[in-house]
Amino acid sequence: MKKPIKKGYIHHSSLELKNSSLHGLGVFAKEFILEGTELGIGHYFDFHNRNNKIVTLRNPTIAFFNYCETPNVILKQEKPNPMWECGYSMHNRIFTIRDIIKGEELLLKYSWYDPTKPDTENNRHYIPLPNCISIEERVGKYVLFALEDIEEGFNFGVCHHWYKPSCCFEPNPIGGYLRESKTPNSKLVKEGRDISLHSLKRINKGEIISVEYVI
């Protein structure tokens, strides 16, 4: 039986992605947001069939919250109840810790690594997108697009992870912004419990990255 792949990702209605003066893309308030507002799931924690090792799956939005020593959002770990159909699940959710004004960037203090210090084995930086692609809103929908010409056979990296509690392949920051097409320029390739994204042909600068949701 084919396992389902989650298509796309829906942002919280009060948030938008756009270029940040701090670093790359950032998450911004489209409207005034009250203190204590929940803004969705940040990470899933996968305990299943991994030799008791916890694997963290990042939702598409969380990767673009820029770092700050005095953040205006935090992550709170929660355990859903009742249990999901396919098993035990834990995740965290994003909450504002003060009022956010329209146009303000939402910022998070990281606890798993320090981006102000060099990338080392003990301080491994997380880079959500390859340098050749980015995300922008086109005709009311966020899409992944090429920042430069991309050759056939390019491996963009992992775009979806199998997550047993939700019984599907969940998207990460690459997989959350793919456009579905019957004439795609890229394909999904299953690699164990993950799905990676590969270009099927040359992709021109500015072109939207598209796939058929089949593996």
N, C-alpha and C. Protein backbone atom coordinates (compact mmCIF):
# COMPACT_ATOMS: atom_id res chain seq x y z
N MET A 1 0.83 -1.19 0.00
CA MET A 1 0.00 0.00 0.00
C MET A 1 0.87 1.25 0.00
N LYS A 2 0.55 2.19 -0.87
CA LYS A 2 1.30 3.43 -0.93
C LYS A 2 1.02 4.28 0.30
N LYS A 3 2.07 4.87 0.85
CA LYS A 3 1.92 5.73 2.01
C LYS A 3 1.69 7.16 1.55
N PRO A 4 0.76 7.89 2.18
CA PRO A 4 0.43 9.24 1.72
C PRO A 4 1.56 10.24 1.98
N ILE A 5 1.65 11.23 1.10
CA ILE A 5 2.61 12.31 1.22
C ILE A 5 1.83 13.61 1.43
N LYS A 6 2.14 14.33 2.49
CA LYS A 6 1.43 15.58 2.73
C LYS A 6 1.84 16.62 1.69
N LYS A 7 0.83 17.22 1.06
CA LYS A 7 1.06 18.19 -0.01
C LYS A 7 1.01 19.61 0.55
N GLY A 8 2.10 20.33 0.40
CA GLY A 8 2.11 21.73 0.78
C GLY A 8 2.04 21.97 2.27
N TYR A 9 1.82 23.23 2.61
CA TYR A 9 1.78 23.63 4.01
C TYR A 9 0.98 24.93 4.11
N ILE A 10 0.14 25.04 5.12
CA ILE A 10 -0.67 26.25 5.31
C ILE A 10 -0.13 27.03 6.51
N HIS A 11 0.28 28.27 6.26
CA HIS A 11 0.77 29.13 7.34
C HIS A 11 -0.37 29.59 8.23
N HIS A 12 -0.04 29.90 9.47
CA HIS A 12 -1.00 30.59 10.33
C HIS A 12 -1.42 31.87 9.63
N SER A 13 -2.69 32.20 9.71
CA SER A 13 -3.23 33.32 8.93
C SER A 13 -2.62 34.67 9.28
N SER A 14 -2.01 34.78 10.45
CA SER A 14 -1.43 36.06 10.85
C SER A 14 0.06 36.20 10.52
N LEU A 15 0.63 35.18 9.85
CA LEU A 15 2.06 35.17 9.57
C LEU A 15 2.34 35.23 8.07
N GLU A 16 3.52 35.76 7.73
CA GLU A 16 3.99 35.73 6.35
C GLU A 16 5.51 35.57 6.33
N LEU A 17 6.00 34.97 5.25
CA LEU A 17 7.43 34.82 5.01
C LEU A 17 7.89 35.93 4.08
N LYS A 18 9.01 36.58 4.42
CA LYS A 18 9.61 37.55 3.50
C LYS A 18 11.06 37.78 3.91
N ASN A 19 11.80 38.50 3.08
CA ASN A 19 13.21 38.75 3.36
C ASN A 19 13.38 39.52 4.66
N SER A 20 14.41 39.11 5.42
CA SER A 20 14.69 39.71 6.72
C SER A 20 15.99 40.49 6.68
N SER A 21 16.03 41.61 7.41
CA SER A 21 17.28 42.38 7.53
C SER A 21 18.28 41.66 8.42
N LEU A 22 17.81 40.67 9.19
CA LEU A 22 18.70 39.92 10.08
C LEU A 22 19.43 38.81 9.34
N HIS A 23 18.64 37.98 8.61
CA HIS A 23 19.25 36.86 7.89
C HIS A 23 18.23 36.20 6.98
N GLY A 24 18.54 36.12 5.70
CA GLY A 24 17.71 35.36 4.77
C GLY A 24 16.23 35.68 4.86
N LEU A 25 15.42 34.62 4.90
CA LEU A 25 13.98 34.77 5.07
C LEU A 25 13.64 34.84 6.56
N GLY A 26 12.57 35.57 6.86
CA GLY A 26 12.09 35.66 8.23
C GLY A 26 10.59 35.52 8.29
N VAL A 27 10.06 35.36 9.49
CA VAL A 27 8.62 35.24 9.72
C VAL A 27 8.12 36.57 10.30
N PHE A 28 7.09 37.15 9.67
CA PHE A 28 6.61 38.47 10.06
C PHE A 28 5.11 38.43 10.34
N ALA A 29 4.68 39.38 11.18
CA ALA A 29 3.26 39.50 11.53
C ALA A 29 2.51 40.28 10.45
N LYS A 30 1.45 39.69 9.90
CA LYS A 30 0.61 40.37 8.93
C LYS A 30 -0.41 41.29 9.61
N GLU A 31 -0.56 41.12 10.93
CA GLU A 31 -1.54 41.88 11.69
C GLU A 31 -1.09 41.89 13.15
N PHE A 32 -1.77 42.65 13.97
CA PHE A 32 -1.47 42.66 15.41
C PHE A 32 -1.77 41.27 16.00
N ILE A 33 -0.84 40.76 16.82
CA ILE A 33 -1.00 39.44 17.44
C ILE A 33 -0.87 39.60 18.95
N LEU A 34 -1.85 39.10 19.66
CA LEU A 34 -1.85 39.21 21.11
C LEU A 34 -0.82 38.30 21.77
N GLU A 35 -0.32 38.72 22.92
CA GLU A 35 0.52 37.87 23.75
C GLU A 35 -0.22 36.57 24.07
N GLY A 36 0.51 35.44 24.02
CA GLY A 36 -0.07 34.14 24.34
C GLY A 36 -0.78 33.47 23.18
N THR A 37 -0.69 34.03 21.98
CA THR A 37 -1.33 33.42 20.81
C THR A 37 -0.52 32.22 20.33
N GLU A 38 -1.20 31.10 20.08
CA GLU A 38 -0.54 29.92 19.51
C GLU A 38 -0.45 30.07 18.00
N LEU A 39 0.73 29.78 17.45
CA LEU A 39 0.97 29.99 16.02
C LEU A 39 1.25 28.70 15.27
N GLY A 40 0.93 27.54 15.88
CA GLY A 40 1.08 26.27 15.20
C GLY A 40 2.21 25.42 15.75
N ILE A 41 2.38 24.24 15.15
CA ILE A 41 3.41 23.29 15.58
C ILE A 41 4.76 23.70 15.02
N GLY A 42 5.79 23.62 15.88
CA GLY A 42 7.15 23.91 15.44
C GLY A 42 7.91 22.66 15.03
N HIS A 43 7.95 21.66 15.91
CA HIS A 43 8.68 20.42 15.65
C HIS A 43 7.85 19.22 16.08
N TYR A 44 8.03 18.12 15.36
CA TYR A 44 7.55 16.81 15.80
C TYR A 44 8.75 16.03 16.33
N PHE A 45 8.52 15.21 17.36
CA PHE A 45 9.58 14.37 17.90
C PHE A 45 9.21 12.91 17.63
N ASP A 46 10.04 12.24 16.85
CA ASP A 46 9.76 10.88 16.40
C ASP A 46 10.54 9.88 17.23
N PHE A 47 9.83 8.99 17.94
CA PHE A 47 10.44 7.97 18.78
C PHE A 47 10.38 6.58 18.15
N HIS A 48 9.81 6.45 16.96
CA HIS A 48 9.42 5.15 16.43
C HIS A 48 10.52 4.46 15.63
N ASN A 49 10.86 3.23 16.04
CA ASN A 49 11.74 2.35 15.27
C ASN A 49 13.09 3.00 14.95
N ARG A 50 13.60 3.78 15.87
CA ARG A 50 14.90 4.42 15.66
C ARG A 50 15.84 4.10 16.82
N ASN A 51 15.74 2.90 17.36
CA ASN A 51 16.59 2.46 18.46
C ASN A 51 16.53 3.41 19.64
N ASN A 52 15.29 3.87 19.93
CA ASN A 52 15.02 4.77 21.05
C ASN A 52 15.68 6.14 20.91
N LYS A 53 16.19 6.44 19.72
CA LYS A 53 16.77 7.76 19.48
C LYS A 53 15.67 8.72 19.04
N ILE A 54 15.62 9.90 19.64
CA ILE A 54 14.62 10.90 19.27
C ILE A 54 15.07 11.62 18.01
N VAL A 55 14.21 11.66 17.00
CA VAL A 55 14.51 12.38 15.77
C VAL A 55 13.56 13.57 15.68
N THR A 56 14.11 14.74 15.40
CA THR A 56 13.32 15.96 15.36
C THR A 56 12.95 16.30 13.92
N LEU A 57 11.66 16.49 13.66
CA LEU A 57 11.17 16.85 12.34
C LEU A 57 10.68 18.29 12.38
N ARG A 58 11.28 19.15 11.57
CA ARG A 58 10.92 20.57 11.57
C ARG A 58 9.76 20.84 10.62
N ASN A 59 8.75 21.53 11.12
CA ASN A 59 7.67 21.99 10.26
C ASN A 59 8.19 23.06 9.31
N PRO A 60 7.54 23.29 8.18
CA PRO A 60 8.07 24.24 7.20
C PRO A 60 8.31 25.66 7.72
N THR A 61 7.48 26.17 8.62
CA THR A 61 7.65 27.56 9.07
C THR A 61 8.78 27.74 10.07
N ILE A 62 8.94 26.81 11.01
CA ILE A 62 9.81 27.03 12.16
C ILE A 62 11.25 27.32 11.75
N ALA A 63 11.70 26.80 10.63
CA ALA A 63 13.09 26.98 10.20
C ALA A 63 13.42 28.43 9.86
N PHE A 64 12.41 29.28 9.68
CA PHE A 64 12.65 30.65 9.23
C PHE A 64 12.46 31.69 10.33
N PHE A 65 12.26 31.23 11.59
CA PHE A 65 12.27 32.16 12.71
C PHE A 65 13.73 32.50 13.01
N ASN A 66 14.10 33.75 12.86
CA ASN A 66 15.47 34.14 13.12
C ASN A 66 15.77 34.22 14.61
N TYR A 67 17.06 34.16 14.94
CA TYR A 67 17.54 34.06 16.32
C TYR A 67 17.60 35.42 17.00
N CYS A 68 17.27 35.43 18.30
CA CYS A 68 17.39 36.65 19.10
C CYS A 68 17.57 36.27 20.56
N GLU A 69 18.44 37.01 21.28
CA GLU A 69 18.63 36.78 22.72
C GLU A 69 17.42 37.22 23.52
N THR A 70 16.62 38.14 22.96
CA THR A 70 15.40 38.61 23.63
C THR A 70 14.22 38.34 22.69
N PRO A 71 13.78 37.08 22.60
CA PRO A 71 12.77 36.69 21.62
C PRO A 71 11.38 37.20 21.96
N ASN A 72 10.51 37.16 20.96
CA ASN A 72 9.09 37.49 21.20
C ASN A 72 8.18 36.27 21.03
N VAL A 73 8.78 35.10 20.71
CA VAL A 73 8.03 33.84 20.69
C VAL A 73 8.85 32.76 21.39
N ILE A 74 8.16 31.73 21.88
CA ILE A 74 8.82 30.59 22.51
C ILE A 74 8.17 29.31 22.01
N LEU A 75 8.83 28.18 22.28
CA LEU A 75 8.29 26.86 21.97
C LEU A 75 7.90 26.17 23.27
N LYS A 76 6.71 25.56 23.30
CA LYS A 76 6.25 24.80 24.45
C LYS A 76 5.98 23.37 24.01
N GLN A 77 6.59 22.43 24.69
CA GLN A 77 6.40 21.02 24.34
C GLN A 77 5.06 20.53 24.84
N GLU A 78 4.34 19.83 23.96
CA GLU A 78 3.02 19.31 24.32
C GLU A 78 2.87 17.88 23.85
N LYS A 79 2.01 17.15 24.54
CA LYS A 79 1.70 15.77 24.20
C LYS A 79 0.21 15.72 23.84
N PRO A 80 -0.15 15.42 22.58
CA PRO A 80 -1.56 15.45 22.22
C PRO A 80 -2.37 14.36 22.92
N ASN A 81 -3.60 14.66 23.19
CA ASN A 81 -4.51 13.73 23.83
C ASN A 81 -5.90 13.93 23.21
N PRO A 82 -6.53 12.92 22.62
CA PRO A 82 -6.11 11.51 22.64
C PRO A 82 -4.93 11.22 21.71
N MET A 83 -4.39 10.01 21.83
CA MET A 83 -3.27 9.60 21.00
C MET A 83 -3.67 9.57 19.53
N TRP A 84 -2.69 9.80 18.67
CA TRP A 84 -2.94 9.74 17.24
C TRP A 84 -3.22 8.29 16.84
N GLU A 85 -3.82 8.12 15.69
CA GLU A 85 -4.26 6.80 15.24
C GLU A 85 -3.13 5.79 15.18
N CYS A 86 -1.96 6.22 14.71
CA CYS A 86 -0.86 5.27 14.47
C CYS A 86 0.18 5.23 15.58
N GLY A 87 -0.07 5.88 16.70
CA GLY A 87 0.90 5.74 17.78
C GLY A 87 1.15 7.01 18.56
N TYR A 88 2.08 6.90 19.48
CA TYR A 88 2.40 7.96 20.43
C TYR A 88 3.10 9.12 19.73
N SER A 89 2.75 10.35 20.08
CA SER A 89 3.34 11.52 19.44
C SER A 89 3.66 12.58 20.48
N MET A 90 4.76 13.29 20.25
CA MET A 90 5.06 14.49 21.02
C MET A 90 5.46 15.57 20.04
N HIS A 91 5.14 16.80 20.36
CA HIS A 91 5.53 17.92 19.52
C HIS A 91 5.59 19.18 20.36
N ASN A 92 6.12 20.26 19.78
CA ASN A 92 6.04 21.54 20.47
C ASN A 92 5.26 22.52 19.62
N ARG A 93 4.77 23.56 20.27
CA ARG A 93 3.98 24.59 19.60
C ARG A 93 4.58 25.96 19.84
N ILE A 94 4.32 26.87 18.92
CA ILE A 94 4.88 28.21 18.95
C ILE A 94 3.87 29.15 19.62
N PHE A 95 4.35 29.93 20.58
CA PHE A 95 3.49 30.90 21.27
C PHE A 95 4.18 32.27 21.34
N THR A 96 3.40 33.33 21.18
CA THR A 96 3.94 34.67 21.41
C THR A 96 4.06 34.92 22.91
N ILE A 97 5.10 35.64 23.33
CA ILE A 97 5.29 35.92 24.76
C ILE A 97 5.08 37.42 25.05
N ARG A 98 4.71 38.17 24.05
CA ARG A 98 4.25 39.55 24.23
C ARG A 98 3.42 39.92 23.02
N ASP A 99 2.77 41.07 23.05
CA ASP A 99 2.03 41.54 21.89
C ASP A 99 2.99 41.81 20.73
N ILE A 100 2.57 41.45 19.53
CA ILE A 100 3.37 41.65 18.32
C ILE A 100 2.64 42.65 17.43
N ILE A 101 3.34 43.69 16.99
CA ILE A 101 2.69 44.68 16.14
C ILE A 101 2.77 44.25 14.68
N LYS A 102 1.86 44.76 13.86
CA LYS A 102 1.84 44.44 12.44
C LYS A 102 3.17 44.83 11.80
N GLY A 103 3.74 43.92 11.01
CA GLY A 103 5.00 44.17 10.33
C GLY A 103 6.23 43.77 11.11
N GLU A 104 6.08 43.40 12.38
CA GLU A 104 7.23 43.03 13.22
C GLU A 104 7.69 41.61 12.89
N GLU A 105 9.01 41.41 12.94
CA GLU A 105 9.54 40.07 12.74
C GLU A 105 9.44 39.28 14.03
N LEU A 106 9.04 38.01 13.91
CA LEU A 106 8.94 37.12 15.06
C LEU A 106 10.27 36.41 15.23
N LEU A 107 10.79 36.41 16.45
CA LEU A 107 12.15 35.94 16.73
C LEU A 107 12.15 34.92 17.84
N LEU A 108 13.06 33.96 17.74
CA LEU A 108 13.12 32.82 18.66
C LEU A 108 14.55 32.67 19.17
N LYS A 109 14.71 32.37 20.44
CA LYS A 109 16.03 32.06 20.99
C LYS A 109 16.26 30.57 20.89
N TYR A 110 17.23 30.14 20.08
CA TYR A 110 17.49 28.72 19.88
C TYR A 110 18.13 28.12 21.12
N SER A 111 17.81 26.86 21.37
CA SER A 111 18.41 26.15 22.50
C SER A 111 19.25 24.96 22.04
N TRP A 112 19.09 24.54 20.77
CA TRP A 112 19.81 23.35 20.29
C TRP A 112 21.18 23.70 19.72
N TYR A 113 21.37 24.92 19.28
CA TYR A 113 22.68 25.38 18.83
C TYR A 113 22.69 26.91 18.88
N ASP A 114 23.89 27.49 18.78
CA ASP A 114 24.05 28.94 18.82
C ASP A 114 24.51 29.42 17.46
N PRO A 115 23.64 30.08 16.67
CA PRO A 115 24.01 30.51 15.33
C PRO A 115 25.02 31.66 15.31
N THR A 116 25.27 32.28 16.47
CA THR A 116 26.26 33.35 16.53
C THR A 116 27.68 32.80 16.65
N LYS A 117 27.80 31.49 16.87
CA LYS A 117 29.11 30.84 16.97
C LYS A 117 29.33 29.93 15.77
N PRO A 118 30.59 29.58 15.46
CA PRO A 118 30.89 28.79 14.26
C PRO A 118 30.17 27.45 14.23
N ASP A 119 29.94 26.96 13.01
CA ASP A 119 29.34 25.65 12.79
C ASP A 119 30.40 24.59 13.08
N THR A 120 30.20 23.81 14.13
CA THR A 120 31.13 22.75 14.50
C THR A 120 30.35 21.48 14.78
N GLU A 121 31.04 20.40 15.04
CA GLU A 121 30.40 19.12 15.33
C GLU A 121 29.50 19.22 16.56
N ASN A 122 29.88 20.05 17.52
CA ASN A 122 29.10 20.21 18.74
C ASN A 122 28.15 21.40 18.70
N ASN A 123 28.17 22.13 17.60
CA ASN A 123 27.27 23.29 17.44
C ASN A 123 26.82 23.32 15.98
N ARG A 124 26.10 22.25 15.61
CA ARG A 124 25.74 22.02 14.21
C ARG A 124 24.62 22.95 13.78
N HIS A 125 24.92 23.87 12.87
CA HIS A 125 23.92 24.80 12.35
C HIS A 125 22.92 24.06 11.47
N TYR A 126 21.70 24.55 11.46
CA TYR A 126 20.66 23.99 10.60
C TYR A 126 20.39 24.97 9.47
N ILE A 127 20.57 24.51 8.22
CA ILE A 127 20.33 25.33 7.04
C ILE A 127 19.12 24.75 6.32
N PRO A 128 17.97 25.45 6.32
CA PRO A 128 16.74 24.85 5.80
C PRO A 128 16.68 24.66 4.29
N LEU A 129 17.39 25.51 3.52
CA LEU A 129 17.31 25.46 2.06
C LEU A 129 18.71 25.48 1.45
N PRO A 130 18.91 24.76 0.34
CA PRO A 130 20.16 24.93 -0.41
C PRO A 130 20.26 26.37 -0.93
N ASN A 131 21.46 26.83 -1.22
CA ASN A 131 21.68 28.21 -1.65
C ASN A 131 21.02 28.52 -3.00
N CYS A 132 20.68 27.50 -3.77
CA CYS A 132 20.17 27.73 -5.12
C CYS A 132 18.66 27.94 -5.17
N ILE A 133 17.95 27.83 -4.03
CA ILE A 133 16.50 27.99 -4.03
C ILE A 133 16.06 28.91 -2.90
N SER A 134 14.86 29.47 -3.05
CA SER A 134 14.26 30.27 -2.00
C SER A 134 12.74 30.15 -2.09
N ILE A 135 12.04 30.91 -1.26
CA ILE A 135 10.58 30.85 -1.17
C ILE A 135 10.03 32.25 -1.31
N GLU A 136 8.95 32.39 -2.05
CA GLU A 136 8.25 33.67 -2.12
C GLU A 136 6.78 33.42 -2.43
N GLU A 137 5.96 34.43 -2.19
CA GLU A 137 4.54 34.32 -2.46
C GLU A 137 4.27 34.74 -3.89
N ARG A 138 3.58 33.87 -4.62
CA ARG A 138 3.18 34.17 -6.00
C ARG A 138 1.70 33.83 -6.14
N VAL A 139 0.93 34.81 -6.54
CA VAL A 139 -0.52 34.66 -6.74
C VAL A 139 -1.16 34.06 -5.48
N GLY A 140 -0.79 34.60 -4.33
CA GLY A 140 -1.42 34.20 -3.08
C GLY A 140 -0.97 32.88 -2.49
N LYS A 141 0.11 32.29 -3.03
CA LYS A 141 0.57 31.01 -2.50
C LYS A 141 2.10 30.99 -2.48
N TYR A 142 2.67 30.49 -1.37
CA TYR A 142 4.11 30.39 -1.29
C TYR A 142 4.63 29.23 -2.15
N VAL A 143 5.73 29.50 -2.86
CA VAL A 143 6.31 28.48 -3.73
C VAL A 143 7.83 28.47 -3.55
N LEU A 144 8.42 27.33 -3.87
CA LEU A 144 9.86 27.17 -3.91
C LEU A 144 10.30 27.50 -5.34
N PHE A 145 11.33 28.33 -5.49
CA PHE A 145 11.77 28.70 -6.83
C PHE A 145 13.29 28.76 -6.91
N ALA A 146 13.82 28.71 -8.13
CA ALA A 146 15.26 28.67 -8.36
C ALA A 146 15.86 30.08 -8.31
N LEU A 147 16.92 30.24 -7.52
CA LEU A 147 17.66 31.51 -7.48
C LEU A 147 18.71 31.58 -8.57
N GLU A 148 18.99 30.44 -9.19
CA GLU A 148 19.97 30.35 -10.27
C GLU A 148 19.61 29.15 -11.13
N ASP A 149 20.24 29.01 -12.27
CA ASP A 149 20.01 27.83 -13.11
C ASP A 149 20.46 26.57 -12.36
N ILE A 150 19.63 25.53 -12.41
CA ILE A 150 19.92 24.27 -11.71
C ILE A 150 19.98 23.14 -12.73
N GLU A 151 21.02 22.35 -12.68
CA GLU A 151 21.23 21.29 -13.66
C GLU A 151 20.35 20.07 -13.37
N GLU A 152 20.09 19.28 -14.40
CA GLU A 152 19.37 18.01 -14.26
C GLU A 152 20.10 17.10 -13.28
N GLY A 153 19.33 16.41 -12.43
CA GLY A 153 19.92 15.46 -11.49
C GLY A 153 20.39 16.07 -10.18
N PHE A 154 20.13 17.35 -9.97
CA PHE A 154 20.56 17.99 -8.71
C PHE A 154 19.73 17.46 -7.55
N ASN A 155 20.39 17.15 -6.45
CA ASN A 155 19.73 16.66 -5.23
C ASN A 155 19.56 17.84 -4.28
N PHE A 156 18.31 18.25 -4.07
CA PHE A 156 18.02 19.36 -3.16
C PHE A 156 18.10 18.95 -1.70
N GLY A 157 18.06 17.65 -1.43
CA GLY A 157 18.08 17.16 -0.06
C GLY A 157 16.74 16.58 0.36
N VAL A 158 16.64 16.20 1.62
CA VAL A 158 15.41 15.61 2.15
C VAL A 158 14.30 16.65 2.20
N CYS A 159 13.10 16.26 1.72
CA CYS A 159 11.96 17.18 1.71
C CYS A 159 10.79 16.68 2.55
N HIS A 160 10.72 15.38 2.82
CA HIS A 160 9.65 14.81 3.65
C HIS A 160 10.23 13.70 4.53
N HIS A 161 9.64 13.54 5.71
CA HIS A 161 10.04 12.47 6.64
C HIS A 161 8.80 11.65 6.99
N TRP A 162 8.95 10.33 7.02
CA TRP A 162 7.85 9.48 7.47
C TRP A 162 7.65 9.70 8.96
N TYR A 163 6.40 9.98 9.34
CA TYR A 163 6.07 10.23 10.74
C TYR A 163 4.92 9.32 11.13
N LYS A 164 5.22 8.30 11.92
CA LYS A 164 4.25 7.24 12.19
C LYS A 164 2.96 7.74 12.83
N PRO A 165 3.00 8.65 13.81
CA PRO A 165 1.73 9.07 14.43
C PRO A 165 0.73 9.69 13.46
N SER A 166 1.21 10.41 12.45
CA SER A 166 0.27 11.02 11.48
C SER A 166 0.03 10.12 10.27
N CYS A 167 0.74 8.98 10.20
CA CYS A 167 0.56 8.01 9.11
C CYS A 167 0.83 8.61 7.73
N CYS A 168 1.79 9.52 7.63
CA CYS A 168 2.13 10.06 6.32
C CYS A 168 3.54 10.64 6.34
N PHE A 169 4.03 10.99 5.14
CA PHE A 169 5.30 11.68 5.01
C PHE A 169 5.05 13.17 5.25
N GLU A 170 5.62 13.70 6.33
CA GLU A 170 5.43 15.11 6.69
C GLU A 170 6.48 15.98 5.98
N PRO A 171 6.09 17.17 5.51
CA PRO A 171 7.05 18.04 4.81
C PRO A 171 7.93 18.82 5.78
N ASN A 172 9.17 19.05 5.36
CA ASN A 172 10.05 19.97 6.08
C ASN A 172 10.10 21.29 5.28
N PRO A 173 11.02 22.22 5.56
CA PRO A 173 10.99 23.49 4.84
C PRO A 173 11.15 23.40 3.33
N ILE A 174 11.76 22.35 2.80
CA ILE A 174 11.80 22.17 1.34
C ILE A 174 10.47 21.63 0.84
N GLY A 175 9.96 20.59 1.48
CA GLY A 175 8.76 19.91 1.00
C GLY A 175 7.48 20.69 1.16
N GLY A 176 7.47 21.68 2.06
CA GLY A 176 6.25 22.41 2.32
C GLY A 176 5.83 23.40 1.25
N TYR A 177 6.71 23.66 0.28
CA TYR A 177 6.44 24.73 -0.69
C TYR A 177 6.55 24.26 -2.14
N LEU A 178 6.42 22.95 -2.35
CA LEU A 178 6.48 22.40 -3.70
C LEU A 178 5.14 22.60 -4.42
N ARG A 179 5.19 22.87 -5.71
CA ARG A 179 3.96 22.98 -6.50
C ARG A 179 3.68 21.63 -7.16
N GLU A 180 2.43 21.19 -7.09
CA GLU A 180 2.03 19.95 -7.76
C GLU A 180 1.80 20.21 -9.23
N SER A 181 2.31 19.29 -10.09
CA SER A 181 2.19 19.48 -11.54
C SER A 181 2.18 18.12 -12.23
N LYS A 182 1.46 18.05 -13.36
CA LYS A 182 1.49 16.85 -14.20
C LYS A 182 2.70 16.85 -15.13
N THR A 183 3.36 17.99 -15.25
CA THR A 183 4.59 18.10 -16.04
C THR A 183 5.67 18.71 -15.15
N PRO A 184 6.11 17.96 -14.13
CA PRO A 184 7.02 18.52 -13.12
C PRO A 184 8.45 18.66 -13.64
N ASN A 185 9.22 19.51 -12.97
CA ASN A 185 10.64 19.62 -13.28
C ASN A 185 11.51 18.90 -12.26
N SER A 186 10.87 18.31 -11.24
CA SER A 186 11.60 17.59 -10.19
C SER A 186 10.81 16.35 -9.78
N LYS A 187 11.47 15.46 -9.04
CA LYS A 187 10.79 14.23 -8.61
C LYS A 187 11.11 13.93 -7.16
N LEU A 188 10.23 13.14 -6.54
CA LEU A 188 10.41 12.68 -5.17
C LEU A 188 11.04 11.29 -5.20
N VAL A 189 12.07 11.10 -4.40
CA VAL A 189 12.80 9.82 -4.36
C VAL A 189 12.80 9.31 -2.92
N LYS A 190 12.23 8.12 -2.70
CA LYS A 190 12.18 7.55 -1.36
C LYS A 190 13.54 6.97 -0.98
N GLU A 191 14.00 7.34 0.19
CA GLU A 191 15.28 6.84 0.72
C GLU A 191 15.05 6.41 2.16
N GLY A 192 14.67 5.15 2.36
CA GLY A 192 14.36 4.66 3.70
C GLY A 192 13.10 5.33 4.24
N ARG A 193 13.21 5.99 5.36
CA ARG A 193 12.08 6.67 5.99
C ARG A 193 11.95 8.13 5.53
N ASP A 194 12.79 8.54 4.59
CA ASP A 194 12.77 9.91 4.11
C ASP A 194 12.47 9.96 2.61
N ILE A 195 12.07 11.14 2.14
CA ILE A 195 11.92 11.40 0.72
C ILE A 195 12.81 12.58 0.37
N SER A 196 13.62 12.44 -0.67
CA SER A 196 14.45 13.55 -1.13
C SER A 196 13.93 14.08 -2.45
N LEU A 197 14.37 15.27 -2.81
CA LEU A 197 13.92 15.96 -4.01
C LEU A 197 15.07 16.07 -5.01
N HIS A 198 14.81 15.64 -6.25
CA HIS A 198 15.83 15.68 -7.30
C HIS A 198 15.25 16.37 -8.54
N SER A 199 16.07 17.17 -9.22
CA SER A 199 15.62 17.80 -10.46
C SER A 199 15.58 16.77 -11.59
N LEU A 200 14.52 16.82 -12.39
CA LEU A 200 14.35 15.93 -13.53
C LEU A 200 15.00 16.47 -14.80
N LYS A 201 15.17 17.77 -14.85
CA LYS A 201 15.72 18.44 -16.02
C LYS A 201 16.33 19.76 -15.57
N ARG A 202 16.91 20.49 -16.50
CA ARG A 202 17.46 21.79 -16.17
C ARG A 202 16.32 22.73 -15.73
N ILE A 203 16.53 23.43 -14.64
CA ILE A 203 15.55 24.39 -14.12
C ILE A 203 16.15 25.78 -14.24
N ASN A 204 15.44 26.68 -14.90
CA ASN A 204 15.95 28.02 -15.13
C ASN A 204 15.75 28.92 -13.91
N LYS A 205 16.62 29.90 -13.78
CA LYS A 205 16.52 30.88 -12.71
C LYS A 205 15.12 31.49 -12.69
N GLY A 206 14.50 31.54 -11.51
CA GLY A 206 13.16 32.10 -11.36
C GLY A 206 12.04 31.09 -11.50
N GLU A 207 12.34 29.90 -12.01
CA GLU A 207 11.31 28.88 -12.25
C GLU A 207 10.87 28.23 -10.94
N ILE A 208 9.59 27.95 -10.83
CA ILE A 208 9.01 27.30 -9.65
C ILE A 208 9.37 25.81 -9.65
N ILE A 209 9.71 25.26 -8.50
CA ILE A 209 10.03 23.84 -8.37
C ILE A 209 8.72 23.07 -8.24
N SER A 210 8.53 22.07 -9.11
CA SER A 210 7.25 21.33 -9.15
C SER A 210 7.49 19.84 -9.15
N VAL A 211 6.49 19.09 -8.64
CA VAL A 211 6.59 17.63 -8.55
C VAL A 211 5.23 17.00 -8.78
N GLU A 212 5.24 15.70 -9.06
CA GLU A 212 4.07 14.85 -8.90
C GLU A 212 4.24 14.13 -7.57
N TYR A 213 3.17 14.03 -6.80
CA TYR A 213 3.28 13.42 -5.48
C TYR A 213 3.18 11.91 -5.57
N VAL A 214 4.17 11.30 -6.22
CA VAL A 214 4.25 9.85 -6.34
C VAL A 214 5.68 9.44 -6.06
N ILE A 215 5.84 8.25 -5.45
CA ILE A 215 7.16 7.67 -5.22
C ILE A 215 7.13 6.20 -5.53
